Amino acid sequence: RHHMGWYRQAPGKQREWVATITSGGSTNYADSVKGRFAISKDNAKNTG
């Protein structure tokens, strides 16, 4: 029903955005992980 996202936080640093997938399946990535990470989901399993 809504977008799902991954974020990360290293010690002493602000939480940063990593990747997002919309309810329709469109994806976006932070430049730091582009080409290395892949976001996906299985709606039937309520799992990202």
All heavy atoms as atom14 arrays in JSON, in Angstrom:
{
  "sequence": "RHHMGWYRQAPGKQREWVATITSGGSTNYADSVKGRFAISKDNAKNTG",
  "atom14_mask": [
    [1, 1, 1, 1, 1, 1, 1, 1, 1, 1, 1, 0, 0, 0],
    [1, 1, 1, 1, 1, 1, 1, 1, 1, 1, 0, 0, 0, 0],
    [1, 1, 1, 1, 1, 1, 1, 1, 1, 1, 0, 0, 0, 0],
    [1, 1, 1, 1, 1, 1, 1, 1, 0, 0, 0, 0, 0, 0],
    [1, 1, 1, 1, 0, 0, 0, 0, 0, 0, 0, 0, 0, 0],
    [1, 1, 1, 1, 1, 1, 1, 1, 1, 1, 1, 1, 1, 1],
    [1, 1, 1, 1, 1, 1, 1, 1, 1, 1, 1, 1, 0, 0],
    [1, 1, 1, 1, 1, 1, 1, 1, 1, 1, 1, 0, 0, 0],
    [1, 1, 1, 1, 1, 1, 1, 1, 1, 0, 0, 0, 0, 0],
    [1, 1, 1, 1, 1, 0, 0, 0, 0, 0, 0, 0, 0, 0],
    [1, 1, 1, 1, 1, 1, 1, 0, 0, 0, 0, 0, 0, 0],
    [1, 1, 1, 1, 0, 0, 0, 0, 0, 0, 0, 0, 0, 0],
    [1, 1, 1, 1, 1, 1, 1, 1, 1, 0, 0, 0, 0, 0],
    [1, 1, 1, 1, 1, 1, 1, 1, 1, 0, 0, 0, 0, 0],
    [1, 1, 1, 1, 1, 1, 1, 1, 1, 1, 1, 0, 0, 0],
    [1, 1, 1, 1, 1, 1, 1, 1, 1, 0, 0, 0, 0, 0],
    [1, 1, 1, 1, 1, 1, 1, 1, 1, 1, 1, 1, 1, 1],
    [1, 1, 1, 1, 1, 1, 1, 0, 0, 0, 0, 0, 0, 0],
    [1, 1, 1, 1, 1, 0, 0, 0, 0, 0, 0, 0, 0, 0],
    [1, 1, 1, 1, 1, 1, 1, 0, 0, 0, 0, 0, 0, 0],
    [1, 1, 1, 1, 1, 1, 1, 1, 0, 0, 0, 0, 0, 0],
    [1, 1, 1, 1, 1, 1, 1, 0, 0, 0, 0, 0, 0, 0],
    [1, 1, 1, 1, 1, 1, 0, 0, 0, 0, 0, 0, 0, 0],
    [1, 1, 1, 1, 0, 0, 0, 0, 0, 0, 0, 0, 0, 0],
    [1, 1, 1, 1, 0, 0, 0, 0, 0, 0, 0, 0, 0, 0],
    [1, 1, 1, 1, 1, 1, 0, 0, 0, 0, 0, 0, 0, 0],
    [1, 1, 1, 1, 1, 1, 1, 0, 0, 0, 0, 0, 0, 0],
    [1, 1, 1, 1, 1, 1, 1, 1, 0, 0, 0, 0, 0, 0],
    [1, 1, 1, 1, 1, 1, 1, 1, 1, 1, 1, 1, 0, 0],
    [1, 1, 1, 1, 1, 0, 0, 0, 0, 0, 0, 0, 0, 0],
    [1, 1, 1, 1, 1, 1, 1, 1, 0, 0, 0, 0, 0, 0],
    [1, 1, 1, 1, 1, 1, 0, 0, 0, 0, 0, 0, 0, 0],
    [1, 1, 1, 1, 1, 1, 1, 0, 0, 0, 0, 0, 0, 0],
    [1, 1, 1, 1, 1, 1, 1, 1, 1, 0, 0, 0, 0, 0],
    [1, 1, 1, 1, 0, 0, 0, 0, 0, 0, 0, 0, 0, 0],
    [1, 1, 1, 1, 1, 1, 1, 1, 1, 1, 1, 0, 0, 0],
    [1, 1, 1, 1, 1, 1, 1, 1, 1, 1, 1, 0, 0, 0],
    [1, 1, 1, 1, 1, 0, 0, 0, 0, 0, 0, 0, 0, 0],
    [1, 1, 1, 1, 1, 1, 1, 1, 0, 0, 0, 0, 0, 0],
    [1, 1, 1, 1, 1, 1, 0, 0, 0, 0, 0, 0, 0, 0],
    [1, 1, 1, 1, 1, 1, 1, 1, 1, 0, 0, 0, 0, 0],
    [1, 1, 1, 1, 1, 1, 1, 1, 0, 0, 0, 0, 0, 0],
    [1, 1, 1, 1, 1, 1, 1, 1, 0, 0, 0, 0, 0, 0],
    [1, 1, 1, 1, 1, 0, 0, 0, 0, 0, 0, 0, 0, 0],
    [1, 1, 1, 1, 1, 1, 1, 1, 1, 0, 0, 0, 0, 0],
    [1, 1, 1, 1, 1, 1, 1, 1, 0, 0, 0, 0, 0, 0],
    [1, 1, 1, 1, 1, 1, 1, 0, 0, 0, 0, 0, 0, 0],
    [1, 1, 1, 1, 0, 0, 0, 0, 0, 0, 0, 0, 0, 0]
  ],
  "atom14_positions": [
    [[0.8, -1.21, 0.0], [0.0, 0.0, 0.0], [0.84, 1.27, 0.0], [0.37, 2.33, -0.45], [-0.92, 0.02, 1.22], [-1.93, -1.11, 1.24], [-2.85, -1.04, 2.45], [-2.2, -1.54, 3.65], [-1.85, -0.79, 4.69], [-2.08, 0.52, 4.67], [-1.28, -1.33, 5.75], [0.0, 0.0, 0.0], [0.0, 0.0, 0.0], [0.0, 0.0, 0.0]],
    [[2.07, 1.18, 0.5], [2.94, 2.34, 0.61], [4.37, 1.94, 0.28], [4.7, 0.77, 0.19], [2.88, 2.92, 2.03], [1.5, 3.31, 2.45], [0.87, 4.44, 1.97], [0.63, 2.72, 3.3], [-0.33, 4.53, 2.51], [-0.5, 3.5, 3.33], [0.0, 0.0, 0.0], [0.0, 0.0, 0.0], [0.0, 0.0, 0.0], [0.0, 0.0, 0.0]],
    [[5.22, 2.94, 0.12], [6.62, 2.67, -0.19], [7.33, 2.06, 1.01], [6.96, 2.27, 2.16], [7.33, 3.95, -0.65], [7.39, 5.02, 0.39], [6.42, 5.97, 0.54], [8.34, 5.29, 1.33], [6.74, 6.79, 1.51], [7.91, 6.4, 2.0], [0.0, 0.0, 0.0], [0.0, 0.0, 0.0], [0.0, 0.0, 0.0], [0.0, 0.0, 0.0]],
    [[8.37, 1.29, 0.71], [9.21, 0.68, 1.72], [10.64, 1.16, 1.48], [11.08, 1.27, 0.33], [9.14, -0.85, 1.62], [9.99, -1.61, 2.64], [11.66, -2.01, 2.02], [11.27, -3.3, 0.84], [0.0, 0.0, 0.0], [0.0, 0.0, 0.0], [0.0, 0.0, 0.0], [0.0, 0.0, 0.0], [0.0, 0.0, 0.0], [0.0, 0.0, 0.0]],
    [[11.34, 1.44, 2.56], [12.69, 1.93, 2.41], [13.68, 1.29, 3.37], [13.3, 0.77, 4.41], [0.0, 0.0, 0.0], [0.0, 0.0, 0.0], [0.0, 0.0, 0.0], [0.0, 0.0, 0.0], [0.0, 0.0, 0.0], [0.0, 0.0, 0.0], [0.0, 0.0, 0.0], [0.0, 0.0, 0.0], [0.0, 0.0, 0.0], [0.0, 0.0, 0.0]],
    [[14.93, 1.31, 2.97], [16.03, 0.89, 3.82], [16.9, 2.09, 4.17], [17.21, 2.91, 3.3], [16.9, -0.18, 3.14], [16.25, -1.53, 3.07], [15.55, -2.06, 2.04], [16.27, -2.53, 4.09], [15.12, -3.32, 2.35], [15.55, -3.64, 3.61], [16.83, -2.6, 5.38], [15.38, -4.81, 4.35], [16.64, -3.75, 6.11], [15.93, -4.83, 5.6]],
    [[17.27, 2.18, 5.43], [18.14, 3.22, 5.93], [19.25, 2.56, 6.74], [19.15, 1.41, 7.13], [17.37, 4.2, 6.82], [16.29, 4.98, 6.1], [15.1, 4.37, 5.73], [16.46, 6.32, 5.8], [14.1, 5.08, 5.08], [15.47, 7.04, 5.16], [14.3, 6.42, 4.79], [13.32, 7.13, 4.15], [0.0, 0.0, 0.0], [0.0, 0.0, 0.0]],
    [[20.31, 3.31, 7.01], [21.39, 2.78, 7.84], [21.98, 3.87, 8.7], [21.92, 5.05, 8.38], [22.48, 2.13, 6.98], [23.24, 3.09, 6.08], [24.17, 2.33, 5.15], [24.97, 3.22, 4.32], [25.77, 2.8, 3.35], [25.88, 1.51, 3.09], [26.46, 3.69, 2.64], [0.0, 0.0, 0.0], [0.0, 0.0, 0.0], [0.0, 0.0, 0.0]],
    [[22.56, 3.45, 9.81], [23.17, 4.39, 10.73], [24.45, 3.78, 11.29], [24.43, 2.73, 11.92], [22.23, 4.77, 11.87], [22.76, 5.86, 12.77], [21.72, 6.4, 13.72], [20.74, 5.73, 14.02], [21.91, 7.62, 14.18], [0.0, 0.0, 0.0], [0.0, 0.0, 0.0], [0.0, 0.0, 0.0], [0.0, 0.0, 0.0], [0.0, 0.0, 0.0]],
    [[25.56, 4.45, 11.05], [26.84, 4.06, 11.61], [27.07, 4.82, 12.91], [26.51, 5.91, 13.11], [27.96, 4.34, 10.62], [0.0, 0.0, 0.0], [0.0, 0.0, 0.0], [0.0, 0.0, 0.0], [0.0, 0.0, 0.0], [0.0, 0.0, 0.0], [0.0, 0.0, 0.0], [0.0, 0.0, 0.0], [0.0, 0.0, 0.0], [0.0, 0.0, 0.0]],
    [[27.9, 4.29, 13.81], [28.16, 4.97, 15.07], [28.65, 6.4, 14.86], [29.55, 6.64, 14.05], [29.24, 4.12, 15.73], [29.02, 2.75, 15.17], [28.6, 2.99, 13.74], [0.0, 0.0, 0.0], [0.0, 0.0, 0.0], [0.0, 0.0, 0.0], [0.0, 0.0, 0.0], [0.0, 0.0, 0.0], [0.0, 0.0, 0.0], [0.0, 0.0, 0.0]],
    [[28.05, 7.33, 15.56], [28.45, 8.72, 15.47], [27.97, 9.45, 14.24], [28.34, 10.61, 14.04], [0.0, 0.0, 0.0], [0.0, 0.0, 0.0], [0.0, 0.0, 0.0], [0.0, 0.0, 0.0], [0.0, 0.0, 0.0], [0.0, 0.0, 0.0], [0.0, 0.0, 0.0], [0.0, 0.0, 0.0], [0.0, 0.0, 0.0], [0.0, 0.0, 0.0]],
    [[27.18, 8.8, 13.42], [26.69, 9.42, 12.19], [25.17, 9.5, 12.18], [24.49, 8.78, 12.92], [27.17, 8.65, 10.96], [28.67, 8.69, 10.73], [29.03, 8.04, 9.41], [30.51, 8.16, 9.12], [30.86, 7.55, 7.81], [0.0, 0.0, 0.0], [0.0, 0.0, 0.0], [0.0, 0.0, 0.0], [0.0, 0.0, 0.0], [0.0, 0.0, 0.0]],
    [[24.67, 10.38, 11.34], [23.23, 10.49, 11.15], [22.71, 9.29, 10.37], [23.43, 8.68, 9.59], [22.89, 11.77, 10.38], [23.2, 13.06, 11.11], [22.18, 13.37, 12.16], [22.39, 13.09, 13.35], [21.05, 13.94, 11.77], [0.0, 0.0, 0.0], [0.0, 0.0, 0.0], [0.0, 0.0, 0.0], [0.0, 0.0, 0.0], [0.0, 0.0, 0.0]],
    [[21.46, 8.96, 10.61], [20.82, 7.93, 9.81], [20.72, 8.41, 8.37], [20.33, 9.56, 8.12], [19.42, 7.63, 10.36], [18.69, 6.51, 9.63], [17.34, 6.24, 10.26], [16.47, 7.4, 10.18], [15.29, 7.48, 10.77], [14.84, 6.47, 11.5], [14.55, 8.58, 10.63], [0.0, 0.0, 0.0], [0.0, 0.0, 0.0], [0.0, 0.0, 0.0]],
    [[21.09, 7.56, 7.43], [21.05, 7.94, 6.03], [20.17, 6.99, 5.23], [20.07, 5.8, 5.52], [22.46, 7.98, 5.43], [23.15, 6.63, 5.36], [24.49, 6.7, 4.66], [24.76, 7.73, 3.97], [25.27, 5.74, 4.77], [0.0, 0.0, 0.0], [0.0, 0.0, 0.0], [0.0, 0.0, 0.0], [0.0, 0.0, 0.0], [0.0, 0.0, 0.0]],
    [[19.56, 7.53, 4.21], [18.72, 6.77, 3.33], [19.57, 5.91, 2.39], [20.6, 6.37, 1.89], [17.84, 7.71, 2.52], [17.12, 7.07, 1.38], [16.06, 6.22, 1.44], [17.41, 7.25, -0.01], [15.66, 5.85, 0.18], [16.49, 6.47, -0.73], [18.36, 7.98, -0.71], [16.48, 6.41, -2.12], [18.36, 7.93, -2.09], [17.42, 7.15, -2.78]],
    [[19.15, 4.68, 2.16], [19.88, 3.75, 1.32], [19.12, 3.46, 0.03], [19.67, 3.57, -1.07], [20.16, 2.43, 2.05], [20.79, 1.4, 1.11], [21.08, 2.69, 3.25], [0.0, 0.0, 0.0], [0.0, 0.0, 0.0], [0.0, 0.0, 0.0], [0.0, 0.0, 0.0], [0.0, 0.0, 0.0], [0.0, 0.0, 0.0], [0.0, 0.0, 0.0]],
    [[17.85, 3.06, 0.15], [17.08, 2.67, -1.03], [15.6, 2.71, -0.71], [15.19, 2.6, 0.44], [17.47, 1.26, -1.5], [0.0, 0.0, 0.0], [0.0, 0.0, 0.0], [0.0, 0.0, 0.0], [0.0, 0.0, 0.0], [0.0, 0.0, 0.0], [0.0, 0.0, 0.0], [0.0, 0.0, 0.0], [0.0, 0.0, 0.0], [0.0, 0.0, 0.0]],
    [[14.79, 2.86, -1.75], [13.34, 2.89, -1.62], [12.7, 2.12, -2.76], [13.2, 2.15, -3.89], [12.8, 4.34, -1.64], [13.35, 5.08, -0.55], [11.28, 4.35, -1.53], [0.0, 0.0, 0.0], [0.0, 0.0, 0.0], [0.0, 0.0, 0.0], [0.0, 0.0, 0.0], [0.0, 0.0, 0.0], [0.0, 0.0, 0.0], [0.0, 0.0, 0.0]],
    [[11.62, 1.43, -2.46], [10.78, 0.83, -3.49], [9.35, 1.28, -3.22], [8.85, 1.2, -2.1], [10.91, -0.72, -3.5], [10.1, -1.3, -4.67], [10.49, -1.34, -2.18], [10.42, -2.77, -4.94], [0.0, 0.0, 0.0], [0.0, 0.0, 0.0], [0.0, 0.0, 0.0], [0.0, 0.0, 0.0], [0.0, 0.0, 0.0], [0.0, 0.0, 0.0]],
    [[8.69, 1.78, -4.26], [7.33, 2.26, -4.1], [6.35, 1.1, -4.11], [6.7, -0.04, -4.42], [6.96, 3.24, -5.23], [6.89, 2.53, -6.47], [7.99, 4.35, -5.35], [0.0, 0.0, 0.0], [0.0, 0.0, 0.0], [0.0, 0.0, 0.0], [0.0, 0.0, 0.0], [0.0, 0.0, 0.0], [0.0, 0.0, 0.0], [0.0, 0.0, 0.0]],
    [[5.09, 1.41, -3.78], [4.07, 0.37, -3.81], [3.95, -0.24, -5.19], [3.59, -1.42, -5.32], [2.73, 0.94, -3.36], [2.31, 2.0, -4.2], [0.0, 0.0, 0.0], [0.0, 0.0, 0.0], [0.0, 0.0, 0.0], [0.0, 0.0, 0.0], [0.0, 0.0, 0.0], [0.0, 0.0, 0.0], [0.0, 0.0, 0.0], [0.0, 0.0, 0.0]],
    [[4.24, 0.54, -6.23], [4.18, 0.06, -7.59], [5.43, -0.63, -8.09], [5.44, -1.15, -9.21], [0.0, 0.0, 0.0], [0.0, 0.0, 0.0], [0.0, 0.0, 0.0], [0.0, 0.0, 0.0], [0.0, 0.0, 0.0], [0.0, 0.0, 0.0], [0.0, 0.0, 0.0], [0.0, 0.0, 0.0], [0.0, 0.0, 0.0], [0.0, 0.0, 0.0]],
    [[6.5, -0.61, -7.29], [7.71, -1.33, -7.65], [8.85, -0.49, -8.19], [9.91, -1.03, -8.53], [0.0, 0.0, 0.0], [0.0, 0.0, 0.0], [0.0, 0.0, 0.0], [0.0, 0.0, 0.0], [0.0, 0.0, 0.0], [0.0, 0.0, 0.0], [0.0, 0.0, 0.0], [0.0, 0.0, 0.0], [0.0, 0.0, 0.0], [0.0, 0.0, 0.0]],
    [[8.69, 0.82, -8.27], [9.79, 1.67, -8.72], [10.85, 1.78, -7.63], [10.52, 1.88, -6.45], [9.28, 3.07, -9.07], [8.37, 3.01, -10.15], [0.0, 0.0, 0.0], [0.0, 0.0, 0.0], [0.0, 0.0, 0.0], [0.0, 0.0, 0.0], [0.0, 0.0, 0.0], [0.0, 0.0, 0.0], [0.0, 0.0, 0.0], [0.0, 0.0, 0.0]],
    [[12.11, 1.77, -8.02], [13.22, 1.77, -7.06], [14.11, 2.98, -7.23], [14.26, 3.53, -8.32], [14.06, 0.5, -7.19], [14.61, 0.43, -8.52], [13.23, -0.74, -6.94], [0.0, 0.0, 0.0], [0.0, 0.0, 0.0], [0.0, 0.0, 0.0], [0.0, 0.0, 0.0], [0.0, 0.0, 0.0], [0.0, 0.0, 0.0], [0.0, 0.0, 0.0]],
    [[14.72, 3.39, -6.12], [15.71, 4.46, -6.11], [16.79, 4.1, -5.1], [16.51, 3.46, -4.08], [15.07, 5.79, -5.74], [14.23, 6.37, -6.85], [14.76, 6.89, -7.83], [12.91, 6.28, -6.72], [0.0, 0.0, 0.0], [0.0, 0.0, 0.0], [0.0, 0.0, 0.0], [0.0, 0.0, 0.0], [0.0, 0.0, 0.0], [0.0, 0.0, 0.0]],
    [[18.03, 4.54, -5.37], [19.16, 4.2, -4.54], [20.02, 5.42, -4.25], [20.14, 6.32, -5.07], [20.04, 3.15, -5.22], [19.33, 1.86, -5.51], [18.68, 1.66, -6.72], [19.3, 0.84, -4.57], [18.02, 0.47, -7.0], [18.64, -0.35, -4.83], [18.01, -0.53, -6.04], [17.35, -1.7, -6.31], [0.0, 0.0, 0.0], [0.0, 0.0, 0.0]],
    [[20.62, 5.41, -3.07], [21.63, 6.4, -2.77], [22.85, 6.16, -3.66], [23.16, 5.03, -4.02], [22.03, 6.32, -1.3], [0.0, 0.0, 0.0], [0.0, 0.0, 0.0], [0.0, 0.0, 0.0], [0.0, 0.0, 0.0], [0.0, 0.0, 0.0], [0.0, 0.0, 0.0], [0.0, 0.0, 0.0], [0.0, 0.0, 0.0], [0.0, 0.0, 0.0]],
    [[23.53, 7.24, -4.01], [24.7, 7.11, -4.88], [25.75, 6.16, -4.3], [26.45, 5.47, -5.04], [25.33, 8.48, -5.13], [24.49, 9.36, -6.03], [23.61, 8.83, -6.74], [24.7, 10.58, -6.03], [0.0, 0.0, 0.0], [0.0, 0.0, 0.0], [0.0, 0.0, 0.0], [0.0, 0.0, 0.0], [0.0, 0.0, 0.0], [0.0, 0.0, 0.0]],
    [[25.86, 6.12, -2.99], [26.88, 5.31, -2.35], [26.68, 3.81, -2.53], [27.63, 3.04, -2.38], [26.95, 5.64, -0.85], [25.71, 5.4, -0.23], [0.0, 0.0, 0.0], [0.0, 0.0, 0.0], [0.0, 0.0, 0.0], [0.0, 0.0, 0.0], [0.0, 0.0, 0.0], [0.0, 0.0, 0.0], [0.0, 0.0, 0.0], [0.0, 0.0, 0.0]],
    [[25.46, 3.38, -2.84], [25.17, 1.95, -2.99], [24.7, 1.59, -4.37], [24.5, 0.4, -4.66], [24.14, 1.48, -1.94], [24.59, 1.85, -0.54], [22.76, 2.07, -2.24], [0.0, 0.0, 0.0], [0.0, 0.0, 0.0], [0.0, 0.0, 0.0], [0.0, 0.0, 0.0], [0.0, 0.0, 0.0], [0.0, 0.0, 0.0], [0.0, 0.0, 0.0]],
    [[24.52, 2.55, -5.23], [24.01, 2.3, -6.57], [24.91, 1.34, -7.32], [26.13, 1.5, -7.35], [23.88, 3.62, -7.33], [23.02, 3.57, -8.57], [22.79, 4.97, -9.13], [22.06, 5.87, -8.13], [21.82, 7.24, -8.66], [0.0, 0.0, 0.0], [0.0, 0.0, 0.0], [0.0, 0.0, 0.0], [0.0, 0.0, 0.0], [0.0, 0.0, 0.0]],
    [[24.3, 0.33, -7.92], [25.05, -0.68, -8.65], [25.51, -1.84, -7.8], [25.95, -2.86, -8.34], [0.0, 0.0, 0.0], [0.0, 0.0, 0.0], [0.0, 0.0, 0.0], [0.0, 0.0, 0.0], [0.0, 0.0, 0.0], [0.0, 0.0, 0.0], [0.0, 0.0, 0.0], [0.0, 0.0, 0.0], [0.0, 0.0, 0.0], [0.0, 0.0, 0.0]],
    [[25.42, -1.71, -6.49], [25.84, -2.78, -5.58], [24.68, -3.38, -4.8], [24.7, -4.57, -4.5], [26.88, -2.26, -4.58], [28.15, -1.73, -5.25], [29.21, -1.41, -4.2], [28.79, -0.33, -3.3], [28.66, -0.46, -1.99], [28.93, -1.63, -1.4], [28.27, 0.57, -1.25], [0.0, 0.0, 0.0], [0.0, 0.0, 0.0], [0.0, 0.0, 0.0]],
    [[23.7, -2.56, -4.45], [22.56, -3.02, -3.67], [21.32, -3.09, -4.56], [21.2, -2.35, -5.53], [22.26, -2.05, -2.52], [23.28, -2.04, -1.42], [24.49, -2.71, -1.54], [23.03, -1.34, -0.25], [25.43, -2.68, -0.52], [23.95, -1.31, 0.78], [25.16, -1.97, 0.65], [0.0, 0.0, 0.0], [0.0, 0.0, 0.0], [0.0, 0.0, 0.0]],
    [[20.4, -3.97, -4.2], [19.13, -4.09, -4.91], [18.0, -4.27, -3.91], [18.03, -5.17, -3.08], [19.16, -5.26, -5.88], [0.0, 0.0, 0.0], [0.0, 0.0, 0.0], [0.0, 0.0, 0.0], [0.0, 0.0, 0.0], [0.0, 0.0, 0.0], [0.0, 0.0, 0.0], [0.0, 0.0, 0.0], [0.0, 0.0, 0.0], [0.0, 0.0, 0.0]],
    [[17.0, -3.4, -3.99], [15.85, -3.48, -3.12], [14.72, -4.19, -3.85], [14.53, -4.0, -5.06], [15.41, -2.08, -2.65], [14.32, -2.16, -1.58], [14.97, -1.22, -3.82], [14.0, -0.82, -0.94], [0.0, 0.0, 0.0], [0.0, 0.0, 0.0], [0.0, 0.0, 0.0], [0.0, 0.0, 0.0], [0.0, 0.0, 0.0], [0.0, 0.0, 0.0]],
    [[13.97, -5.01, -3.14], [12.86, -5.74, -3.73], [11.84, -6.05, -2.65], [12.08, -5.79, -1.46], [13.33, -7.02, -4.42], [13.93, -7.9, -3.5], [0.0, 0.0, 0.0], [0.0, 0.0, 0.0], [0.0, 0.0, 0.0], [0.0, 0.0, 0.0], [0.0, 0.0, 0.0], [0.0, 0.0, 0.0], [0.0, 0.0, 0.0], [0.0, 0.0, 0.0]],
    [[10.71, -6.63, -3.04], [9.7, -6.99, -2.07], [8.84, -8.12, -2.59], [8.77, -8.37, -3.79], [8.82, -5.79, -1.71], [8.02, -5.25, -2.88], [7.09, -4.12, -2.45], [6.27, -3.59, -3.63], [5.28, -2.58, -3.18], [0.0, 0.0, 0.0], [0.0, 0.0, 0.0], [0.0, 0.0, 0.0], [0.0, 0.0, 0.0], [0.0, 0.0, 0.0]],
    [[8.18, -8.81, -1.67], [7.23, -9.85, -1.98], [5.96, -9.49, -1.22], [5.85, -9.72, -0.02], [7.75, -11.22, -1.55], [6.84, -12.36, -1.97], [5.63, -12.13, -2.18], [7.33, -13.5, -2.1], [0.0, 0.0, 0.0], [0.0, 0.0, 0.0], [0.0, 0.0, 0.0], [0.0, 0.0, 0.0], [0.0, 0.0, 0.0], [0.0, 0.0, 0.0]],
    [[5.01, -8.9, -1.91], [3.79, -8.42, -1.26], [3.01, -9.55, -0.59], [2.41, -9.36, 0.47], [2.9, -7.7, -2.26], [3.43, -6.36, -2.67], [4.21, -5.73, -1.95], [3.03, -5.88, -3.84], [0.0, 0.0, 0.0], [0.0, 0.0, 0.0], [0.0, 0.0, 0.0], [0.0, 0.0, 0.0], [0.0, 0.0, 0.0], [0.0, 0.0, 0.0]],
    [[3.0, -10.72, -1.2], [2.27, -11.85, -0.63], [2.81, -12.27, 0.72], [2.09, -12.82, 1.54], [2.28, -13.03, -1.6], [0.0, 0.0, 0.0], [0.0, 0.0, 0.0], [0.0, 0.0, 0.0], [0.0, 0.0, 0.0], [0.0, 0.0, 0.0], [0.0, 0.0, 0.0], [0.0, 0.0, 0.0], [0.0, 0.0, 0.0], [0.0, 0.0, 0.0]],
    [[4.1, -12.03, 0.94], [4.74, -12.39, 2.2], [4.92, -11.2, 3.12], [5.49, -11.34, 4.2], [6.1, -13.03, 1.93], [6.04, -14.33, 1.16], [7.43, -14.9, 0.94], [7.39, -16.21, 0.2], [8.74, -16.77, -0.04], [0.0, 0.0, 0.0], [0.0, 0.0, 0.0], [0.0, 0.0, 0.0], [0.0, 0.0, 0.0], [0.0, 0.0, 0.0]],
    [[4.44, -10.02, 2.71], [4.6, -8.8, 3.48], [6.08, -8.59, 3.85], [6.41, -8.19, 4.97], [3.75, -8.83, 4.76], [2.27, -8.88, 4.47], [1.8, -8.31, 3.48], [1.51, -9.54, 5.33], [0.0, 0.0, 0.0], [0.0, 0.0, 0.0], [0.0, 0.0, 0.0], [0.0, 0.0, 0.0], [0.0, 0.0, 0.0], [0.0, 0.0, 0.0]],
    [[6.94, -8.87, 2.9], [8.37, -8.87, 3.15], [9.13, -8.04, 2.13], [8.87, -8.13, 0.93], [8.92, -10.3, 3.14], [8.25, -11.07, 4.15], [10.41, -10.31, 3.44], [0.0, 0.0, 0.0], [0.0, 0.0, 0.0], [0.0, 0.0, 0.0], [0.0, 0.0, 0.0], [0.0, 0.0, 0.0], [0.0, 0.0, 0.0], [0.0, 0.0, 0.0]],
    [[10.06, -7.24, 2.62], [10.97, -6.5, 1.78], [12.37, -7.06, 1.91], [12.7, -7.73, 2.89], [0.0, 0.0, 0.0], [0.0, 0.0, 0.0], [0.0, 0.0, 0.0], [0.0, 0.0, 0.0], [0.0, 0.0, 0.0], [0.0, 0.0, 0.0], [0.0, 0.0, 0.0], [0.0, 0.0, 0.0], [0.0, 0.0, 0.0], [0.0, 0.0, 0.0]]
  ]
}
